[in-house]
C-alpha atoms as a PDB file:
ATOM      1  CA  UNK A   1     145.652 -55.311  76.908  1.00  0.00           C
ATOM      2  CA  UNK A   2     144.015 -52.220  74.867  1.00  0.00           C
ATOM      3  CA  UNK A   3     140.846 -52.338  77.432  1.00  0.00           C
ATOM      4  CA  UNK A   4     143.172 -52.824  80.003  1.00  0.00           C
ATOM      5  CA  UNK A   5     145.240 -49.861  79.126  1.00  0.00           C
ATOM      6  CA  UNK A   6     142.097 -47.481  78.665  1.00  0.00           C
ATOM      7  CA  UNK A   7     141.077 -48.371  82.106  1.00  0.00           C
ATOM      8  CA  UNK A   8     144.282 -47.496  83.449  1.00  0.00           C
ATOM      9  CA  UNK A   9     144.584 -44.088  81.577  1.00  0.00           C
ATOM     10  CA  UNK A  10     141.241 -43.386  82.799  1.00  0.00           C
ATOM     11  CA  UNK A  11     141.598 -44.048  86.184  1.00  0.00           C
ATOM     12  CA  UNK A  12     145.163 -42.352  86.413  1.00  0.00           C
ATOM     13  CA  UNK A  13     143.892 -39.382  85.176  1.00  0.00           C
ATOM     14  CA  UNK A  14     140.846 -39.526  87.821  1.00  0.00           C
ATOM     15  CA  UNK A  15     143.294 -39.570  90.352  1.00  0.00           C
ATOM     16  CA  UNK A  16     145.838 -36.885  89.156  1.00  0.00           C
ATOM     17  CA  UNK A  17     141.895 -34.592  89.234  1.00  0.00           C
ATOM     18  CA  UNK A  18     141.664 -35.640  92.979  1.00  0.00           C
ATOM     19  CA  UNK A  19     145.273 -34.335  93.627  1.00  0.00           C
ATOM     20  CA  UNK A  20     145.374 -31.664  95.959  1.00  0.00           C
ATOM     21  CA  UNK A  21     147.081 -29.290  93.909  1.00  0.00           C
ATOM     22  CA  UNK A  22     144.655 -29.815  91.387  1.00  0.00           C
ATOM     23  CA  UNK A  23     141.803 -29.148  93.346  1.00  0.00           C
ATOM     24  CA  UNK A  24     143.517 -26.108  94.726  1.00  0.00           C
ATOM     25  CA  UNK A  25     143.937 -24.830  91.142  1.00  0.00           C
ATOM     26  CA  UNK A  26     140.372 -25.312  90.603  1.00  0.00           C
ATOM     27  CA  UNK A  27     139.381 -23.265  93.661  1.00  0.00           C
ATOM     28  CA  UNK A  28     141.655 -20.303  92.659  1.00  0.00           C
ATOM     29  CA  UNK A  29     140.274 -20.411  89.172  1.00  0.00           C
ATOM     30  CA  UNK A  30     136.348 -20.431  90.741  1.00  0.00           C
ATOM     31  CA  UNK A  31     137.252 -17.431  93.392  1.00  0.00           C
ATOM     32  CA  UNK A  32     139.042 -15.086  90.418  1.00  0.00           C
ATOM     33  CA  UNK A  33     135.493 -16.099  88.157  1.00  0.00           C
ATOM     34  CA  UNK A  34     133.141 -15.271  90.633  1.00  0.00           C
ATOM     35  CA  UNK A  35     135.193 -11.997  91.992  1.00  0.00           C
ATOM     36  CA  UNK A  36     135.365 -10.871  88.407  1.00  0.00           C
ATOM     37  CA  UNK A  37     131.513 -11.641  87.358  1.00  0.00           C
ATOM     38  CA  UNK A  38     130.931  -9.981  90.724  1.00  0.00           C
ATOM     39  CA  UNK A  39     133.081  -7.008  90.369  1.00  0.00           C
ATOM     40  CA  UNK A  40     132.159  -6.073  86.602  1.00  0.00           C
ATOM     41  CA  UNK A  41     128.306  -7.136  86.985  1.00  0.00           C
ATOM     42  CA  UNK A  42     125.482  -5.055  88.368  1.00  0.00           C
ATOM     43  CA  UNK A  43     123.342  -6.925  90.707  1.00  0.00           C
ATOM     44  CA  UNK A  44     120.406  -5.665  92.585  1.00  0.00           C
ATOM     45  CA  UNK A  45     120.936  -7.458  95.724  1.00  0.00           C
ATOM     46  CA  UNK A  46     117.700  -7.683  98.121  1.00  0.00           C
ATOM     47  CA  UNK A  47     117.669  -8.932 101.853  1.00  0.00           C
ATOM     48  CA  UNK A  48     121.205  -8.910 102.387  1.00  0.00           C
ATOM     49  CA  UNK A  49     120.886  -5.948 105.318  1.00  0.00           C
ATOM     50  CA  UNK A  50     117.342  -7.448 106.064  1.00  0.00           C
ATOM     51  CA  UNK A  51     119.594 -10.898 107.241  1.00  0.00           C
ATOM     52  CA  UNK A  52     122.872  -8.587 108.656  1.00  0.00           C
ATOM     53  CA  UNK A  53     120.066  -7.359 111.044  1.00  0.00           C
ATOM     54  CA  UNK A  54     118.298 -10.620 111.771  1.00  0.00           C
ATOM     55  CA  UNK A  55     121.790 -12.341 112.984  1.00  0.00           C
ATOM     56  CA  UNK A  56     122.417  -9.306 114.649  1.00  0.00           C
ATOM     57  CA  UNK A  57     119.163  -9.576 116.801  1.00  0.00           C
ATOM     58  CA  UNK A  58     119.362 -13.403 117.291  1.00  0.00           C
ATOM     59  CA  UNK A  59     122.917 -13.821 117.508  1.00  0.00           C
ATOM     60  CA  UNK A  60     123.597 -15.977 114.421  1.00  0.00           C
ATOM     61  CA  UNK A  61     121.313 -17.680 112.118  1.00  0.00           C
ATOM     62  CA  UNK A  62     121.025 -19.987 109.098  1.00  0.00           C
ATOM     63  CA  UNK A  63     121.090 -19.164 105.698  1.00  0.00           C
ATOM     64  CA  UNK A  64     120.044 -21.102 102.959  1.00  0.00           C
ATOM     65  CA  UNK A  65     120.575 -21.401  99.711  1.00  0.00           C
ATOM     66  CA  UNK A  66     120.199 -24.130  96.361  1.00  0.00           C
ATOM     67  CA  UNK A  67     123.403 -26.025  94.876  1.00  0.00           C
ATOM     68  CA  UNK A  68     122.779 -24.605  91.658  1.00  0.00           C
ATOM     69  CA  UNK A  69     122.246 -21.075  92.744  1.00  0.00           C
ATOM     70  CA  UNK A  70     125.002 -20.898  95.555  1.00  0.00           C
ATOM     71  CA  UNK A  71     128.378 -20.293  93.229  1.00  0.00           C
ATOM     72  CA  UNK A  72     128.080 -16.552  93.603  1.00  0.00           C
ATOM     73  CA  UNK A  73     126.861 -16.271  96.977  1.00  0.00           C
ATOM     74  CA  UNK A  74     130.179 -16.273  98.730  1.00  0.00           C
ATOM     75  CA  UNK A  75     130.931 -13.188  97.008  1.00  0.00           C
ATOM     76  CA  UNK A  76     128.199 -11.193  98.138  1.00  0.00           C
ATOM     77  CA  UNK A  77     128.761 -12.194 101.723  1.00  0.00           C
ATOM     78  CA  UNK A  78     132.000 -12.090 102.120  1.00  0.00           C
ATOM     79  CA  UNK A  79     131.886  -9.687 104.959  1.00  0.00           C
ATOM     80  CA  UNK A  80     129.010 -11.150 106.909  1.00  0.00           C
ATOM     81  CA  UNK A  81     130.286 -11.558 110.687  1.00  0.00           C
ATOM     82  CA  UNK A  82     131.716 -15.207 110.881  1.00  0.00           C
ATOM     83  CA  UNK A  83     130.079 -17.772 108.922  1.00  0.00           C
ATOM     84  CA  UNK A  84     130.810 -21.551 108.464  1.00  0.00           C
ATOM     85  CA  UNK A  85     129.144 -23.529 105.870  1.00  0.00           C
ATOM     86  CA  UNK A  86     128.495 -27.508 105.561  1.00  0.00           C
ATOM     87  CA  UNK A  87     130.666 -28.614 102.879  1.00  0.00           C
ATOM     88  CA  UNK A  88     130.444 -32.908 101.821  1.00  0.00           C
ATOM     89  CA  UNK A  89     133.701 -34.670 102.162  1.00  0.00           C
ATOM     90  CA  UNK A  90     133.351 -35.742  98.586  1.00  0.00           C
ATOM     91  CA  UNK A  91     136.854 -34.289  96.463  1.00  0.00           C
ATOM     92  CA  UNK A  92     134.182 -31.580  95.073  1.00  0.00           C
ATOM     93  CA  UNK A  93     133.824 -30.516  98.401  1.00  0.00           C
ATOM     94  CA  UNK A  94     137.337 -29.906  98.631  1.00  0.00           C
ATOM     95  CA  UNK A  95     137.132 -27.866  95.792  1.00  0.00           C
ATOM     96  CA  UNK A  96     134.336 -25.402  97.711  1.00  0.00           C
ATOM     97  CA  UNK A  97     135.829 -25.288 100.640  1.00  0.00           C
ATOM     98  CA  UNK A  98     139.224 -24.137  99.405  1.00  0.00           C
ATOM     99  CA  UNK A  99     136.807 -21.405  97.765  1.00  0.00           C
ATOM    100  CA  UNK A 100     135.118 -20.611 100.774  1.00  0.00           C
ATOM    101  CA  UNK A 101     138.112 -20.431 102.285  1.00  0.00           C
ATOM    102  CA  UNK A 102     139.387 -17.287  99.961  1.00  0.00           C
ATOM    103  CA  UNK A 103     136.429 -15.543 100.999  1.00  0.00           C
ATOM    104  CA  UNK A 104     137.070 -16.102 104.514  1.00  0.00           C
ATOM    105  CA  UNK A 105     134.103 -18.641 105.318  1.00  0.00           C
ATOM    106  CA  UNK A 106     135.264 -21.925 107.084  1.00  0.00           C
ATOM    107  CA  UNK A 107     133.561 -25.127 106.145  1.00  0.00           C
ATOM    108  CA  UNK A 108     132.171 -27.960 108.497  1.00  0.00           C
ATOM    109  CA  UNK A 109     132.632 -31.630 106.885  1.00  0.00           C
ATOM    110  CA  UNK A 110     129.648 -33.407 106.420  1.00  0.00           C
ATOM    111  CA  UNK A 111     126.398 -33.899 103.881  1.00  0.00           C
ATOM    112  CA  UNK A 112     122.852 -35.552 104.668  1.00  0.00           C
ATOM    113  CA  UNK A 113     124.217 -38.934 103.964  1.00  0.00           C
ATOM    114  CA  UNK A 114     128.126 -38.540 104.729  1.00  0.00           C
ATOM    115  CA  UNK A 115     129.164 -37.779 108.453  1.00  0.00           C
ATOM    116  CA  UNK A 116     125.490 -36.246 108.975  1.00  0.00           C
ATOM    117  CA  UNK A 117     125.448 -37.193 112.766  1.00  0.00           C
ATOM    118  CA  UNK A 118     128.877 -35.539 113.614  1.00  0.00           C
ATOM    119  CA  UNK A 119     128.156 -32.680 111.312  1.00  0.00           C
ATOM    120  CA  UNK A 120     124.395 -31.991 113.078  1.00  0.00           C
ATOM    121  CA  UNK A 121     125.892 -32.081 116.272  1.00  0.00           C
ATOM    122  CA  UNK A 122     128.870 -29.241 114.886  1.00  0.00           C
ATOM    123  CA  UNK A 123     126.367 -26.869 113.238  1.00  0.00           C
ATOM    124  CA  UNK A 124     124.162 -27.207 116.355  1.00  0.00           C
ATOM    125  CA  UNK A 125     126.965 -26.532 118.426  1.00  0.00           C
ATOM    126  CA  UNK A 126     127.981 -23.351 115.874  1.00  0.00           C
ATOM    127  CA  UNK A 127     124.631 -21.897 115.818  1.00  0.00           C
ATOM    128  CA  UNK A 128     124.438 -21.784 119.663  1.00  0.00           C
ATOM    129  CA  UNK A 129     127.907 -19.919 119.772  1.00  0.00           C
ATOM    130  CA  UNK A 130     126.484 -17.184 117.352  1.00  0.00           C
ATOM    131  CA  UNK A 131     127.882 -18.482 113.981  1.00  0.00           C
ATOM    132  CA  UNK A 132     126.115 -17.936 111.071  1.00  0.00           C
ATOM    133  CA  UNK A 133     125.783 -21.319 109.430  1.00  0.00           C
ATOM    134  CA  UNK A 134     125.594 -21.941 105.533  1.00  0.00           C
ATOM    135  CA  UNK A 135     123.493 -25.063 104.331  1.00  0.00           C
ATOM    136  CA  UNK A 136     122.917 -25.842 100.694  1.00  0.00           C
ATOM    137  CA  UNK A 137     119.896 -27.608 101.371  1.00  0.00           C
ATOM    138  CA  UNK A 138     119.411 -29.707  98.286  1.00  0.00           C
ATOM    139  CA  UNK A 139     123.360 -31.054  97.784  1.00  0.00           C
ATOM    140  CA  UNK A 140     125.389 -32.922  96.973  1.00  0.00           C
ATOM    141  CA  UNK A 141     122.932 -34.872  95.211  1.00  0.00           C
ATOM    142  CA  UNK A 142     119.659 -33.614  95.175  1.00  0.00           C
ATOM    143  CA  UNK A 143     116.734 -33.344  94.241  1.00  0.00           C
ATOM    144  CA  UNK A 144     117.367 -30.210  92.931  1.00  0.00           C
ATOM    145  CA  UNK A 145     115.245 -27.341  94.812  1.00  0.00           C
ATOM    146  CA  UNK A 146     113.937 -29.102  97.617  1.00  0.00           C
ATOM    147  CA  UNK A 147     114.419 -28.334 101.507  1.00  0.00           C
ATOM    148  CA  UNK A 148     115.889 -30.887 104.013  1.00  0.00           C
ATOM    149  CA  UNK A 149     113.913 -31.184 107.103  1.00  0.00           C
ATOM    150  CA  UNK A 150     117.264 -30.754 108.455  1.00  0.00           C
ATOM    151  CA  UNK A 151     117.191 -27.138 108.431  1.00  0.00           C
ATOM    152  CA  UNK A 152     113.964 -26.964 110.102  1.00  0.00           C
ATOM    153  CA  UNK A 153     114.979 -29.457 112.828  1.00  0.00           C
ATOM    154  CA  UNK A 154     118.317 -27.391 113.412  1.00  0.00           C
ATOM    155  CA  UNK A 155     116.364 -23.763 113.466  1.00  0.00           C
ATOM    156  CA  UNK A 156     113.568 -25.763 115.870  1.00  0.00           C
ATOM    157  CA  UNK A 157     116.522 -26.584 118.154  1.00  0.00           C
ATOM    158  CA  UNK A 158     118.450 -23.903 118.498  1.00  0.00           C
ATOM    159  CA  UNK A 159     115.870 -20.988 118.017  1.00  0.00           C
ATOM    160  CA  UNK A 160     117.776 -19.679 115.203  1.00  0.00           C
ATOM    161  CA  UNK A 161     116.231 -18.029 112.053  1.00  0.00           C
ATOM    162  CA  UNK A 162     116.320 -19.233 108.573  1.00  0.00           C
ATOM    163  CA  UNK A 163     116.881 -17.056 105.634  1.00  0.00           C
ATOM    164  CA  UNK A 164     117.160 -18.176 102.002  1.00  0.00           C
ATOM    165  CA  UNK A 165     118.770 -16.596  99.204  1.00  0.00           C
ATOM    166  CA  UNK A 166     118.635 -17.174  95.270  1.00  0.00           C
ATOM    167  CA  UNK A 167     119.846 -14.789  92.055  1.00  0.00           C
ATOM    168  CA  UNK A 168     120.156 -14.641  88.581  1.00  0.00           C
ATOM    169  CA  UNK A 169     122.096 -13.166  85.745  1.00  0.00           C
ATOM    170  CA  UNK A 170     121.089 -11.818  82.860  1.00  0.00           C
ATOM    171  CA  UNK A 171     122.673 -14.112  79.760  1.00  0.00           C
ATOM    172  CA  UNK A 172     123.879 -16.537  82.044  1.00  0.00           C
ATOM    173  CA  UNK A 173     124.632 -20.224  80.981  1.00  0.00           C
ATOM    174  CA  UNK A 174     122.229 -22.654  82.714  1.00  0.00           C
ATOM    175  CA  UNK A 175     123.519 -26.302  82.565  1.00  0.00           C
ATOM    176  CA  UNK A 176     120.685 -28.040  81.620  1.00  0.00           C
ATOM    177  CA  UNK A 177     122.217 -31.655  81.728  1.00  0.00           C
ATOM    178  CA  UNK A 178     123.222 -30.976  85.650  1.00  0.00           C
ATOM    179  CA  UNK A 179     121.380 -32.608  88.280  1.00  0.00           C
ATOM    180  CA  UNK A 180     121.086 -28.785  90.124  1.00  0.00           C
ATOM    181  CA  UNK A 181     120.711 -27.008  86.600  1.00  0.00           C
ATOM    182  CA  UNK A 182     124.151 -24.818  87.703  1.00  0.00           C
ATOM    183  CA  UNK A 183     123.704 -21.220  86.964  1.00  0.00           C
ATOM    184  CA  UNK A 184     127.083 -19.731  85.290  1.00  0.00           C
ATOM    185  CA  UNK A 185     126.829 -16.149  85.366  1.00  0.00           C
ATOM    186  CA  UNK A 186     128.907 -13.885  82.857  1.00  0.00           C
ATOM    187  CA  UNK A 187     131.204 -10.782  82.921  1.00  0.00           C
ATOM    188  CA  UNK A 188     129.743  -7.691  82.794  1.00  0.00           C
ATOM    189  CA  UNK A 189     125.885  -8.408  82.998  1.00  0.00           C
ATOM    190  CA  UNK A 190     123.338  -7.536  85.295  1.00  0.00           C
ATOM    191  CA  UNK A 191     121.576  -9.515  87.855  1.00  0.00           C
ATOM    192  CA  UNK A 192     119.173  -9.711  91.120  1.00  0.00           C
ATOM    193  CA  UNK A 193     119.494 -11.488  94.004  1.00  0.00           C
ATOM    194  CA  UNK A 194     116.753 -12.103  96.479  1.00  0.00           C
ATOM    195  CA  UNK A 195     116.147 -12.980  99.890  1.00  0.00           C
ATOM    196  CA  UNK A 196     113.167 -14.850 101.279  1.00  0.00           C
ATOM    197  CA  UNK A 197     111.145 -13.843 104.734  1.00  0.00           C
ATOM    198  CA  UNK A 198     112.771 -14.547 107.560  1.00  0.00           C
ATOM    199  CA  UNK A 199     111.579 -17.907 109.279  1.00  0.00           C
ATOM    200  CA  UNK A 200     111.366 -19.082 112.839  1.00  0.00           C
ATOM    201  CA  UNK A 201     110.617 -22.907 114.226  1.00  0.00           C
ATOM    202  CA  UNK A 202     108.708 -22.857 117.583  1.00  0.00           C
ATOM    203  CA  UNK A 203     110.129 -25.136 119.838  1.00  0.00           C
ATOM    204  CA  UNK A 204     107.078 -27.160 120.626  1.00  0.00           C
ATOM    205  CA  UNK A 205     106.877 -27.572 116.914  1.00  0.00           C
ATOM    206  CA  UNK A 206     105.331 -31.207 116.353  1.00  0.00           C
ATOM    207  CA  UNK A 207     106.134 -32.889 112.896  1.00  0.00           C
ATOM    208  CA  UNK A 208     102.925 -31.678 110.653  1.00  0.00           C
ATOM    209  CA  UNK A 209     103.791 -28.293 111.578  1.00  0.00           C
ATOM    210  CA  UNK A 210     107.307 -28.673 110.812  1.00  0.00           C
ATOM    211  CA  UNK A 211     106.868 -29.998 107.017  1.00  0.00           C
ATOM    212  CA  UNK A 212     104.184 -27.527 106.929  1.00  0.00           C
ATOM    213  CA  UNK A 213     106.881 -24.950 107.821  1.00  0.00           C
ATOM    214  CA  UNK A 214     109.535 -26.524 105.362  1.00  0.00           C
ATOM    215  CA  UNK A 215     107.144 -26.523 102.485  1.00  0.00           C
ATOM    216  CA  UNK A 216     106.289 -23.046 102.695  1.00  0.00           C
ATOM    217  CA  UNK A 217     110.440 -22.044 102.948  1.00  0.00           C
ATOM    218  CA  UNK A 218     110.711 -24.516  99.733  1.00  0.00           C
ATOM    219  CA  UNK A 219     107.904 -23.093  98.023  1.00  0.00           C
ATOM    220  CA  UNK A 220     109.273 -19.353  98.910  1.00  0.00           C
ATOM    221  CA  UNK A 221     112.748 -19.760  97.956  1.00  0.00           C
ATOM    222  CA  UNK A 222     111.534 -22.046  94.252  1.00  0.00           C
ATOM    223  CA  UNK A 223     109.197 -18.837  93.232  1.00  0.00           C
ATOM    224  CA  UNK A 224     111.880 -16.090  94.246  1.00  0.00           C
ATOM    225  CA  UNK A 225     114.343 -17.968  92.032  1.00  0.00           C
ATOM    226  CA  UNK A 226     111.701 -17.974  89.321  1.00  0.00           C
ATOM    227  CA  UNK A 227     111.098 -14.645  89.700  1.00  0.00           C
ATOM    228  CA  UNK A 228     115.208 -13.742  89.123  1.00  0.00           C
ATOM    229  CA  UNK A 229     115.044 -16.153  86.481  1.00  0.00           C
ATOM    230  CA  UNK A 230     112.372 -14.014  84.904  1.00  0.00           C
ATOM    231  CA  UNK A 231     113.384 -10.778  85.333  1.00  0.00           C
ATOM    232  CA  UNK A 232     117.093 -11.805  83.329  1.00  0.00           C
ATOM    233  CA  UNK A 233     115.176 -13.521  80.584  1.00  0.00           C
ATOM    234  CA  UNK A 234     115.868 -17.111  81.650  1.00  0.00           C
ATOM    235  CA  UNK A 235     113.720 -20.058  81.264  1.00  0.00           C
ATOM    236  CA  UNK A 236     112.184 -21.511  84.251  1.00  0.00           C
ATOM    237  CA  UNK A 237     113.685 -24.512  85.334  1.00  0.00           C
ATOM    238  CA  UNK A 238     112.376 -27.550  86.811  1.00  0.00           C
ATOM    239  CA  UNK A 239     113.088 -29.088  90.455  1.00  0.00           C
ATOM    240  CA  UNK A 240     113.244 -32.246  91.212  1.00  0.00           C
ATOM    241  CA  UNK A 241     116.372 -33.634  89.434  1.00  0.00           C
ATOM    242  CA  UNK A 242     118.933 -35.887  91.484  1.00  0.00           C
ATOM    243  CA  UNK A 243     121.863 -37.958  90.865  1.00  0.00           C
ATOM    244  CA  UNK A 244     120.775 -40.784  93.308  1.00  0.00           C
ATOM    245  CA  UNK A 245     117.543 -41.031  90.402  1.00  0.00           C
ATOM    246  CA  UNK A 246     119.782 -40.989  87.454  1.00  0.00           C
ATOM    247  CA  UNK A 247     122.217 -43.580  89.118  1.00  0.00           C
ATOM    248  CA  UNK A 248     119.257 -45.737  89.941  1.00  0.00           C
ATOM    249  CA  UNK A 249     117.540 -45.404  86.393  1.00  0.00           C
ATOM    250  CA  UNK A 250     121.097 -46.593  84.743  1.00  0.00           C
ATOM    251  CA  UNK A 251     121.339 -49.679  87.350  1.00  0.00           C
ATOM    252  CA  UNK A 252     117.636 -50.603  86.146  1.00  0.00           C
ATOM    253  CA  UNK A 253     118.610 -50.225  82.378  1.00  0.00           C
ATOM    254  CA  UNK A 254     121.520 -52.340  82.950  1.00  0.00           C
ATOM    255  CA  UNK A 255     119.452 -54.944  84.178  1.00  0.00           C
ATOM    256  CA  UNK A 256     117.341 -55.062  81.184  1.00  0.00           C
END
């Protein structure tokens, strides 16, 4: 009886936490937080003008970031030409979609493992229309800081350039127990934003070339993340964590 009651209460709280009013409230709080951090902080932003020029010259492009370094980027790119972001249909994705909407960034529903085909078709369609498409390549379950091959595929199919961005901030909180090592910057702090060199993928690139370009881009974005953290006095994080790995290990332990 007691166990059943605890089970009911737990699931009731979980259900309430996924209702639209609660999700919208969380998104509003996230918006206020990111806006205050951006307005009170002193961030050196590198690569923003280069990206603006790039998308103007190529009529659109692909914006890439890591899951743990995506929170503040909508603030810095709030005035960019029309941008759409791939967002997971999961309830966490609904929070992100609501937050992005407040920065006038629209959403494309889907992820690497849910609605993948439909989302891929929409991404290609939007890129061909000249939209800037934002991809969080290691989300929503990791491994963190690993570039998904689909990014290279989209660039090859559309001829649009890819550019990645990352950031860090002094005295920021890094949630080390989270799979993505989420960075939470504080108000009134100095920070830095870095952008990778633009990358184009030839339309005739074979699998070997695409993998080489994928690894090259991943290495550069990771290197910039490590450099940003070092300049802000933060310890280097370790790429490769995954909620899928954690769940798999948990199931294995449960069978012993």
